[in-house]
Amino acid sequence: MARIFCVANQKGGVGKTTTTVNLAAGLAKIGQRVLMVDLDPQGNATMGSGVEKRKLELTVYDVLLESATVPEARVTSKACGYDVLGANRELAGAEIELVGVERRETRLKEALAVVDGEYDFILIDCPPSLSMLTLNGLCCAHGVIVPMQCEYFALEGLTDLVNTIKQVHANLNKDLQIIGLLRVMFDPRITLQQQVSEQLKTHFGEKVFDTVIPRNVRLAEAPSYGLPGVIFDPASKGAQAFVSFASEMVARMQRLEAATPAP
């Protein structure tokens, strides 16, 4: 059974897409079977996985409107080693088209159930807002990975996200939980970042991943070449950190599954 995770944060510009594609590439690199789902109409995770979004015949838009299945719409990124359920600007229209339809919050969940046995991890890149698209992601996920910069305003945004997750957990998805907080774009030379990092560990304890993703030029350059940093420059500090993060994710899942009593 695939473990399904949303990479989400209601604050924009915190590295959600960078986290999604590099975690996907890192997991693939250590032998995991991965599907990356792009739920953002900008399609940056699609492009960052080496897939040309404008040439896609079928996208997650078709899957949500039930005019295509996941096996029909997914493509394989040979360069990255994982499958992609891509997005482009068509997806922006899905917000309006889903408003009046039945089971609008669970369309993605039902679609992914078809390929559940084919993957170890399904990672969903969510847009930076609580929209119908984000809701579809949260309704099918086992957990949320929250990338965040260690800055004051990031803490404010985190409070909003935690409240959203509690609401979805109470009303739509009893499995949903925060799997962990990932500190990204981290610069240890900045005192404020160190202070916020310590605050996070104090408040959230084991929910804070041990791996820290440093601020790294090669990670920032990689999208312009249509690749995750893990593939673009495997020797860079940022790429190595994401591979470490992938290993930590696998280990954390194994611990959680071992601690969960069998039904």
C-alpha atoms as a PDB file:
ATOM      1  CA  MET A   1       0.000   0.000   0.000  1.00  0.00           C
ATOM      2  CA  ALA A   2       1.306   3.434  -0.948  1.00  0.00           C
ATOM      3  CA  ARG A   3       1.916   6.055   1.711  1.00  0.00           C
ATOM      4  CA  ILE A   4       0.297   9.271   0.443  1.00  0.00           C
ATOM      5  CA  PHE A   5       1.683  12.620   1.581  1.00  0.00           C
ATOM      6  CA  CYS A   6       0.759  16.197   0.806  1.00  0.00           C
ATOM      7  CA  VAL A   7       3.560  18.729   0.796  1.00  0.00           C
ATOM      8  CA  ALA A   8       1.637  21.755   2.017  1.00  0.00           C
ATOM      9  CA  ASN A   9       1.989  25.186   3.518  1.00  0.00           C
ATOM     10  CA  GLN A  10      -0.515  28.007   3.117  1.00  0.00           C
ATOM     11  CA  LYS A  11       2.372  30.469   2.949  1.00  0.00           C
ATOM     12  CA  GLY A  12       3.779  30.924  -0.557  1.00  0.00           C
ATOM     13  CA  GLY A  13       7.454  30.800  -1.506  1.00  0.00           C
ATOM     14  CA  VAL A  14       8.547  28.354   1.196  1.00  0.00           C
ATOM     15  CA  GLY A  15       9.901  25.668  -1.116  1.00  0.00           C
ATOM     16  CA  LYS A  16       6.938  23.281  -1.413  1.00  0.00           C
ATOM     17  CA  THR A  17       7.634  22.367  -5.024  1.00  0.00           C
ATOM     18  CA  THR A  18      11.393  22.129  -4.460  1.00  0.00           C
ATOM     19  CA  THR A  19      10.699  19.808  -1.524  1.00  0.00           C
ATOM     20  CA  THR A  20       8.220  17.655  -3.489  1.00  0.00           C
ATOM     21  CA  VAL A  21      10.389  17.016  -6.554  1.00  0.00           C
ATOM     22  CA  ASN A  22      13.626  16.543  -4.614  1.00  0.00           C
ATOM     23  CA  LEU A  23      12.017  14.201  -2.084  1.00  0.00           C
ATOM     24  CA  ALA A  24      10.510  12.238  -4.989  1.00  0.00           C
ATOM     25  CA  ALA A  25      13.920  12.019  -6.678  1.00  0.00           C
ATOM     26  CA  GLY A  26      15.630  11.148  -3.385  1.00  0.00           C
ATOM     27  CA  LEU A  27      13.131   8.356  -2.660  1.00  0.00           C
ATOM     28  CA  ALA A  28      13.531   6.998  -6.198  1.00  0.00           C
ATOM     29  CA  LYS A  29      17.294   7.090  -5.768  1.00  0.00           C
ATOM     30  CA  ILE A  30      17.108   4.813  -2.706  1.00  0.00           C
ATOM     31  CA  GLY A  31      14.881   2.305  -4.483  1.00  0.00           C
ATOM     32  CA  GLN A  32      11.342   3.464  -3.667  1.00  0.00           C
ATOM     33  CA  ARG A  33       8.534   3.446  -6.237  1.00  0.00           C
ATOM     34  CA  VAL A  34       7.189   7.012  -6.414  1.00  0.00           C
ATOM     35  CA  LEU A  35       4.298   8.877  -8.034  1.00  0.00           C
ATOM     36  CA  MET A  36       4.450  12.693  -7.890  1.00  0.00           C
ATOM     37  CA  VAL A  37       1.062  14.428  -8.240  1.00  0.00           C
ATOM     38  CA  ASP A  38       1.077  18.107  -9.227  1.00  0.00           C
ATOM     39  CA  LEU A  39      -2.033  19.856  -7.842  1.00  0.00           C
ATOM     40  CA  ASP A  40      -0.827  23.390  -8.578  1.00  0.00           C
ATOM     41  CA  PRO A  41      -2.148  25.002 -11.812  1.00  0.00           C
ATOM     42  CA  GLN A  42       1.264  26.635 -12.288  1.00  0.00           C
ATOM     43  CA  GLY A  43       2.619  23.164 -13.078  1.00  0.00           C
ATOM     44  CA  ASN A  44       6.053  23.913 -11.617  1.00  0.00           C
ATOM     45  CA  ALA A  45       6.463  20.429 -10.095  1.00  0.00           C
ATOM     46  CA  THR A  46       5.653  18.952 -13.522  1.00  0.00           C
ATOM     47  CA  MET A  47       8.276  21.107 -15.277  1.00  0.00           C
ATOM     48  CA  GLY A  48      10.751  20.535 -12.431  1.00  0.00           C
ATOM     49  CA  SER A  49      10.434  16.785 -13.015  1.00  0.00           C
ATOM     50  CA  GLY A  50      11.577  17.045 -16.628  1.00  0.00           C
ATOM     51  CA  VAL A  51       8.044  16.882 -18.092  1.00  0.00           C
ATOM     52  CA  GLU A  52       6.856  19.504 -20.606  1.00  0.00           C
ATOM     53  CA  LYS A  53       3.473  20.559 -19.197  1.00  0.00           C
ATOM     54  CA  ARG A  54       2.250  22.129 -22.464  1.00  0.00           C
ATOM     55  CA  LYS A  55       2.654  18.825 -24.318  1.00  0.00           C
ATOM     56  CA  LEU A  56       0.676  16.693 -21.873  1.00  0.00           C
ATOM     57  CA  GLU A  57      -2.400  15.153 -23.490  1.00  0.00           C
ATOM     58  CA  LEU A  58      -3.928  14.217 -20.133  1.00  0.00           C
ATOM     59  CA  THR A  59      -3.336  15.793 -16.714  1.00  0.00           C
ATOM     60  CA  VAL A  60      -4.607  15.658 -13.138  1.00  0.00           C
ATOM     61  CA  TYR A  61      -7.403  17.966 -14.384  1.00  0.00           C
ATOM     62  CA  ASP A  62      -8.822  15.105 -16.498  1.00  0.00           C
ATOM     63  CA  VAL A  63      -8.467  12.735 -13.536  1.00  0.00           C
ATOM     64  CA  LEU A  64     -10.386  15.063 -11.187  1.00  0.00           C
ATOM     65  CA  LEU A  65     -13.187  15.482 -13.743  1.00  0.00           C
ATOM     66  CA  GLU A  66     -13.200  11.699 -14.270  1.00  0.00           C
ATOM     67  CA  SER A  67     -12.513  11.865 -18.000  1.00  0.00           C
ATOM     68  CA  ALA A  68      -9.255   9.897 -17.528  1.00  0.00           C
ATOM     69  CA  THR A  69      -7.750   7.458 -15.024  1.00  0.00           C
ATOM     70  CA  VAL A  70      -4.398   7.826 -13.270  1.00  0.00           C
ATOM     71  CA  PRO A  71      -2.820   5.014 -15.389  1.00  0.00           C
ATOM     72  CA  GLU A  72      -3.939   6.872 -18.533  1.00  0.00           C
ATOM     73  CA  ALA A  73      -2.768  10.314 -17.416  1.00  0.00           C
ATOM     74  CA  ARG A  74       0.557   9.579 -15.669  1.00  0.00           C
ATOM     75  CA  VAL A  75       3.892   9.781 -17.466  1.00  0.00           C
ATOM     76  CA  THR A  76       7.296   8.477 -16.453  1.00  0.00           C
ATOM     77  CA  SER A  77      10.149  10.920 -15.954  1.00  0.00           C
ATOM     78  CA  LYS A  78      13.073   8.807 -17.132  1.00  0.00           C
ATOM     79  CA  ALA A  79      15.588  11.417 -16.005  1.00  0.00           C
ATOM     80  CA  CYS A  80      14.191  11.486 -12.455  1.00  0.00           C
ATOM     81  CA  GLY A  81      13.157   7.867 -11.948  1.00  0.00           C
ATOM     82  CA  TYR A  82       9.566   8.458 -10.835  1.00  0.00           C
ATOM     83  CA  ASP A  83       6.091   8.792 -12.367  1.00  0.00           C
ATOM     84  CA  VAL A  84       4.342  12.150 -12.738  1.00  0.00           C
ATOM     85  CA  LEU A  85       0.652  13.006 -12.760  1.00  0.00           C
ATOM     86  CA  GLY A  86       1.156  16.422 -14.235  1.00  0.00           C
ATOM     87  CA  ALA A  87      -0.683  19.735 -14.237  1.00  0.00           C
ATOM     88  CA  ASN A  88      -0.960  22.814 -16.409  1.00  0.00           C
ATOM     89  CA  ARG A  89      -3.136  25.936 -16.494  1.00  0.00           C
ATOM     90  CA  GLU A  90      -6.223  23.885 -17.350  1.00  0.00           C
ATOM     91  CA  LEU A  91      -6.252  22.880 -13.694  1.00  0.00           C
ATOM     92  CA  ALA A  92      -7.282  26.383 -12.623  1.00  0.00           C
ATOM     93  CA  GLY A  93     -10.681  25.699 -14.218  1.00  0.00           C
ATOM     94  CA  ALA A  94     -11.181  22.615 -12.086  1.00  0.00           C
ATOM     95  CA  GLU A  95     -11.818  24.820  -9.042  1.00  0.00           C
ATOM     96  CA  ILE A  96     -15.014  26.153 -10.618  1.00  0.00           C
ATOM     97  CA  GLU A  97     -16.047  22.926 -12.335  1.00  0.00           C
ATOM     98  CA  LEU A  98     -15.791  20.879  -9.128  1.00  0.00           C
ATOM     99  CA  VAL A  99     -17.996  23.194  -7.061  1.00  0.00           C
ATOM    100  CA  GLY A 100     -21.293  21.644  -8.135  1.00  0.00           C
ATOM    101  CA  VAL A 101     -20.317  17.993  -8.572  1.00  0.00           C
ATOM    102  CA  GLU A 102     -20.789  15.023  -6.252  1.00  0.00           C
ATOM    103  CA  ARG A 103     -17.897  13.716  -4.137  1.00  0.00           C
ATOM    104  CA  ARG A 104     -15.912  16.801  -5.071  1.00  0.00           C
ATOM    105  CA  GLU A 105     -13.493  16.486  -2.123  1.00  0.00           C
ATOM    106  CA  THR A 106     -12.716  12.800  -2.736  1.00  0.00           C
ATOM    107  CA  ARG A 107     -12.175  12.672  -6.508  1.00  0.00           C
ATOM    108  CA  LEU A 108      -8.401  12.353  -6.178  1.00  0.00           C
ATOM    109  CA  LYS A 109      -8.653   9.782  -3.387  1.00  0.00           C
ATOM    110  CA  GLU A 110     -10.842   7.521  -5.498  1.00  0.00           C
ATOM    111  CA  ALA A 111      -8.583   7.931  -8.536  1.00  0.00           C
ATOM    112  CA  LEU A 112      -5.386   7.101  -6.633  1.00  0.00           C
ATOM    113  CA  ALA A 113      -6.938   3.976  -5.107  1.00  0.00           C
ATOM    114  CA  VAL A 114      -6.607   2.337  -8.541  1.00  0.00           C
ATOM    115  CA  VAL A 115      -2.767   2.521  -8.415  1.00  0.00           C
ATOM    116  CA  ASP A 116      -2.322   2.132  -4.668  1.00  0.00           C
ATOM    117  CA  GLY A 117      -0.406  -1.141  -4.947  1.00  0.00           C
ATOM    118  CA  GLU A 118       2.015   0.136  -7.599  1.00  0.00           C
ATOM    119  CA  TYR A 119       3.865   2.673  -5.438  1.00  0.00           C
ATOM    120  CA  ASP A 120       5.618   2.951  -2.096  1.00  0.00           C
ATOM    121  CA  PHE A 121       5.087   6.729  -1.898  1.00  0.00           C
ATOM    122  CA  ILE A 122       2.680   9.156  -3.551  1.00  0.00           C
ATOM    123  CA  LEU A 123       3.698  12.801  -3.051  1.00  0.00           C
ATOM    124  CA  ILE A 124       1.236  15.615  -3.750  1.00  0.00           C
ATOM    125  CA  ASP A 125       2.418  19.166  -4.421  1.00  0.00           C
ATOM    126  CA  CYS A 126      -0.380  21.454  -3.151  1.00  0.00           C
ATOM    127  CA  PRO A 127      -1.046  25.079  -4.131  1.00  0.00           C
ATOM    128  CA  PRO A 128      -0.408  27.729  -1.432  1.00  0.00           C
ATOM    129  CA  SER A 129      -4.060  28.157  -0.465  1.00  0.00           C
ATOM    130  CA  LEU A 130      -6.892  26.153   1.036  1.00  0.00           C
ATOM    131  CA  SER A 131      -8.698  25.537  -2.264  1.00  0.00           C
ATOM    132  CA  MET A 132     -10.764  22.654  -3.596  1.00  0.00           C
ATOM    133  CA  LEU A 133      -7.523  21.295  -5.074  1.00  0.00           C
ATOM    134  CA  THR A 134      -5.703  21.366  -1.729  1.00  0.00           C
ATOM    135  CA  LEU A 135      -8.764  19.812  -0.096  1.00  0.00           C
ATOM    136  CA  ASN A 136      -8.630  16.918  -2.580  1.00  0.00           C
ATOM    137  CA  GLY A 137      -4.995  16.374  -1.641  1.00  0.00           C
ATOM    138  CA  LEU A 138      -5.662  16.499   2.105  1.00  0.00           C
ATOM    139  CA  CYS A 139      -8.649  14.137   1.833  1.00  0.00           C
ATOM    140  CA  CYS A 140      -6.583  11.339   0.298  1.00  0.00           C
ATOM    141  CA  ALA A 141      -3.359  11.794   2.286  1.00  0.00           C
ATOM    142  CA  HIS A 142      -2.100   9.823   5.262  1.00  0.00           C
ATOM    143  CA  GLY A 143      -0.114  12.825   6.357  1.00  0.00           C
ATOM    144  CA  VAL A 144       1.264  16.270   5.622  1.00  0.00           C
ATOM    145  CA  ILE A 145       4.907  17.231   5.215  1.00  0.00           C
ATOM    146  CA  VAL A 146       5.320  20.923   6.016  1.00  0.00           C
ATOM    147  CA  PRO A 147       8.374  22.660   4.521  1.00  0.00           C
ATOM    148  CA  MET A 148       9.106  25.896   6.301  1.00  0.00           C
ATOM    149  CA  GLN A 149      11.730  28.572   6.567  1.00  0.00           C
ATOM    150  CA  CYS A 150      12.906  29.420  10.050  1.00  0.00           C
ATOM    151  CA  GLU A 151      11.473  32.934  10.053  1.00  0.00           C
ATOM    152  CA  TYR A 152       8.932  34.652  12.284  1.00  0.00           C
ATOM    153  CA  PHE A 153       6.140  34.873   9.691  1.00  0.00           C
ATOM    154  CA  ALA A 154       6.532  31.162   8.948  1.00  0.00           C
ATOM    155  CA  LEU A 155       5.402  30.420  12.498  1.00  0.00           C
ATOM    156  CA  GLU A 156       2.268  32.514  11.920  1.00  0.00           C
ATOM    157  CA  GLY A 157       1.438  30.555   8.752  1.00  0.00           C
ATOM    158  CA  LEU A 158       2.057  27.263  10.535  1.00  0.00           C
ATOM    159  CA  THR A 159      -0.719  28.017  13.041  1.00  0.00           C
ATOM    160  CA  ASP A 160      -3.208  28.459  10.174  1.00  0.00           C
ATOM    161  CA  LEU A 161      -2.105  25.208   8.547  1.00  0.00           C
ATOM    162  CA  VAL A 162      -2.381  23.215  11.785  1.00  0.00           C
ATOM    163  CA  ASN A 163      -5.955  24.514  12.238  1.00  0.00           C
ATOM    164  CA  THR A 164      -6.833  23.534   8.663  1.00  0.00           C
ATOM    165  CA  ILE A 165      -5.439  20.026   9.145  1.00  0.00           C
ATOM    166  CA  LYS A 166      -7.470  19.658  12.376  1.00  0.00           C
ATOM    167  CA  GLN A 167     -10.659  20.621  10.524  1.00  0.00           C
ATOM    168  CA  VAL A 168     -10.017  18.192   7.658  1.00  0.00           C
ATOM    169  CA  HIS A 169      -9.127  15.461  10.172  1.00  0.00           C
ATOM    170  CA  ALA A 170     -12.370  16.029  12.096  1.00  0.00           C
ATOM    171  CA  ASN A 171     -14.701  16.231   9.098  1.00  0.00           C
ATOM    172  CA  LEU A 172     -13.240  14.503   6.054  1.00  0.00           C
ATOM    173  CA  ASN A 173     -10.147  12.360   6.715  1.00  0.00           C
ATOM    174  CA  LYS A 174      -9.562  10.643  10.058  1.00  0.00           C
ATOM    175  CA  ASP A 175      -6.127   9.397   8.903  1.00  0.00           C
ATOM    176  CA  LEU A 176      -4.713  12.877   8.311  1.00  0.00           C
ATOM    177  CA  GLN A 177      -1.889  14.052  10.577  1.00  0.00           C
ATOM    178  CA  ILE A 178       1.232  16.174  10.385  1.00  0.00           C
ATOM    179  CA  ILE A 179       4.030  13.737   9.618  1.00  0.00           C
ATOM    180  CA  GLY A 180       6.746  16.292  10.141  1.00  0.00           C
ATOM    181  CA  LEU A 181       8.119  19.787   9.705  1.00  0.00           C
ATOM    182  CA  LEU A 182      11.055  20.171   7.337  1.00  0.00           C
ATOM    183  CA  ARG A 183      13.358  23.138   7.861  1.00  0.00           C
ATOM    184  CA  VAL A 184      14.333  24.446   4.409  1.00  0.00           C
ATOM    185  CA  MET A 185      16.541  27.223   3.017  1.00  0.00           C
ATOM    186  CA  PHE A 186      18.350  27.135   6.336  1.00  0.00           C
ATOM    187  CA  ASP A 187      21.353  29.376   6.963  1.00  0.00           C
ATOM    188  CA  PRO A 188      22.995  28.604  10.332  1.00  0.00           C
ATOM    189  CA  ARG A 189      24.836  31.951  10.255  1.00  0.00           C
ATOM    190  CA  ILE A 190      21.565  33.821  10.832  1.00  0.00           C
ATOM    191  CA  THR A 191      20.783  34.003  14.552  1.00  0.00           C
ATOM    192  CA  LEU A 192      17.018  34.409  14.032  1.00  0.00           C
ATOM    193  CA  GLN A 193      16.866  31.189  12.006  1.00  0.00           C
ATOM    194  CA  GLN A 194      18.648  29.302  14.781  1.00  0.00           C
ATOM    195  CA  GLN A 195      16.199  30.734  17.341  1.00  0.00           C
ATOM    196  CA  VAL A 196      13.111  29.808  15.288  1.00  0.00           C
ATOM    197  CA  SER A 197      14.560  26.340  14.685  1.00  0.00           C
ATOM    198  CA  GLU A 198      14.908  25.837  18.442  1.00  0.00           C
ATOM    199  CA  GLN A 199      11.340  27.112  18.989  1.00  0.00           C
ATOM    200  CA  LEU A 200      10.053  24.570  16.485  1.00  0.00           C
ATOM    201  CA  LYS A 201      11.859  21.728  18.232  1.00  0.00           C
ATOM    202  CA  THR A 202      10.539  22.902  21.621  1.00  0.00           C
ATOM    203  CA  HIS A 203       6.905  23.098  20.457  1.00  0.00           C
ATOM    204  CA  PHE A 204       6.737  20.184  18.016  1.00  0.00           C
ATOM    205  CA  GLY A 205       9.411  17.818  19.357  1.00  0.00           C
ATOM    206  CA  GLU A 206       9.751  14.660  17.247  1.00  0.00           C
ATOM    207  CA  LYS A 207       7.494  16.143  14.551  1.00  0.00           C
ATOM    208  CA  VAL A 208      10.514  18.194  13.405  1.00  0.00           C
ATOM    209  CA  PHE A 209      12.611  16.168  10.971  1.00  0.00           C
ATOM    210  CA  ASP A 210      16.268  15.762  11.912  1.00  0.00           C
ATOM    211  CA  THR A 211      17.336  16.589   8.350  1.00  0.00           C
ATOM    212  CA  VAL A 212      17.808  20.287   7.596  1.00  0.00           C
ATOM    213  CA  ILE A 213      17.868  21.507   3.977  1.00  0.00           C
ATOM    214  CA  PRO A 214      20.498  24.250   3.599  1.00  0.00           C
ATOM    215  CA  ARG A 215      20.124  27.337   1.455  1.00  0.00           C
ATOM    216  CA  ASN A 216      21.798  26.110  -1.729  1.00  0.00           C
ATOM    217  CA  VAL A 217      22.436  27.779  -5.094  1.00  0.00           C
ATOM    218  CA  ARG A 218      22.384  24.473  -7.018  1.00  0.00           C
ATOM    219  CA  LEU A 219      18.910  23.625  -5.720  1.00  0.00           C
ATOM    220  CA  ALA A 220      17.721  27.047  -6.877  1.00  0.00           C
ATOM    221  CA  GLU A 221      19.303  26.625 -10.326  1.00  0.00           C
ATOM    222  CA  ALA A 222      17.970  23.126 -10.982  1.00  0.00           C
ATOM    223  CA  PRO A 223      14.362  24.048 -12.015  1.00  0.00           C
ATOM    224  CA  SER A 224      15.635  26.162 -14.904  1.00  0.00           C
ATOM    225  CA  TYR A 225      17.103  22.921 -16.311  1.00  0.00           C
ATOM    226  CA  GLY A 226      13.841  21.052 -15.687  1.00  0.00           C
ATOM    227  CA  LEU A 227      15.334  18.769 -13.049  1.00  0.00           C
ATOM    228  CA  PRO A 228      15.288  18.310  -9.266  1.00  0.00           C
ATOM    229  CA  GLY A 229      18.549  19.328  -7.596  1.00  0.00           C
ATOM    230  CA  VAL A 230      19.082  15.687  -6.574  1.00  0.00           C
ATOM    231  CA  ILE A 231      19.456  14.818 -10.278  1.00  0.00           C
ATOM    232  CA  PHE A 232      20.943  18.105 -11.522  1.00  0.00           C
ATOM    233  CA  ASP A 233      23.911  18.134  -9.115  1.00  0.00           C
ATOM    234  CA  PRO A 234      23.957  15.036  -6.877  1.00  0.00           C
ATOM    235  CA  ALA A 235      27.171  16.207  -5.177  1.00  0.00           C
ATOM    236  CA  SER A 236      25.709  19.517  -3.946  1.00  0.00           C
ATOM    237  CA  LYS A 237      24.937  19.952  -0.264  1.00  0.00           C
ATOM    238  CA  GLY A 238      21.260  20.536  -1.004  1.00  0.00           C
ATOM    239  CA  ALA A 239      20.951  17.335  -3.055  1.00  0.00           C
ATOM    240  CA  GLN A 240      22.725  15.278  -0.411  1.00  0.00           C
ATOM    241  CA  ALA A 241      20.415  16.726   2.256  1.00  0.00           C
ATOM    242  CA  PHE A 242      17.328  15.658   0.289  1.00  0.00           C
ATOM    243  CA  VAL A 243      18.651  12.112  -0.155  1.00  0.00           C
ATOM    244  CA  SER A 244      19.218  12.028   3.627  1.00  0.00           C
ATOM    245  CA  PHE A 245      15.682  13.326   4.091  1.00  0.00           C
ATOM    246  CA  ALA A 246      14.334  10.539   1.843  1.00  0.00           C
ATOM    247  CA  SER A 247      16.095   7.948   4.007  1.00  0.00           C
ATOM    248  CA  GLU A 248      14.701   9.599   7.151  1.00  0.00           C
ATOM    249  CA  MET A 249      11.178   9.508   5.663  1.00  0.00           C
ATOM    250  CA  VAL A 250      11.437   5.765   4.943  1.00  0.00           C
ATOM    251  CA  ALA A 251      12.749   5.094   8.450  1.00  0.00           C
ATOM    252  CA  ARG A 252      10.003   7.233  10.037  1.00  0.00           C
ATOM    253  CA  MET A 253       7.310   5.373   8.080  1.00  0.00           C
ATOM    254  CA  GLN A 254       8.705   2.021   9.170  1.00  0.00           C
ATOM    255  CA  ARG A 255       8.643   3.173  12.804  1.00  0.00           C
ATOM    256  CA  LEU A 256       5.072   4.460  12.540  1.00  0.00           C
ATOM    257  CA  GLU A 257       3.872   1.260  10.874  1.00  0.00           C
ATOM    258  CA  ALA A 258       5.600  -0.879  13.498  1.00  0.00           C
ATOM    259  CA  ALA A 259       3.903   1.146  16.241  1.00  0.00           C
ATOM    260  CA  THR A 260       0.431   0.884  14.654  1.00  0.00           C
ATOM    261  CA  PRO A 261      -1.470  -2.171  15.922  1.00  0.00           C
ATOM    262  CA  ALA A 262      -2.779  -4.542  13.257  1.00  0.00           C
ATOM    263  CA  PRO A 263      -6.566  -4.330  12.670  1.00  0.00           C
END
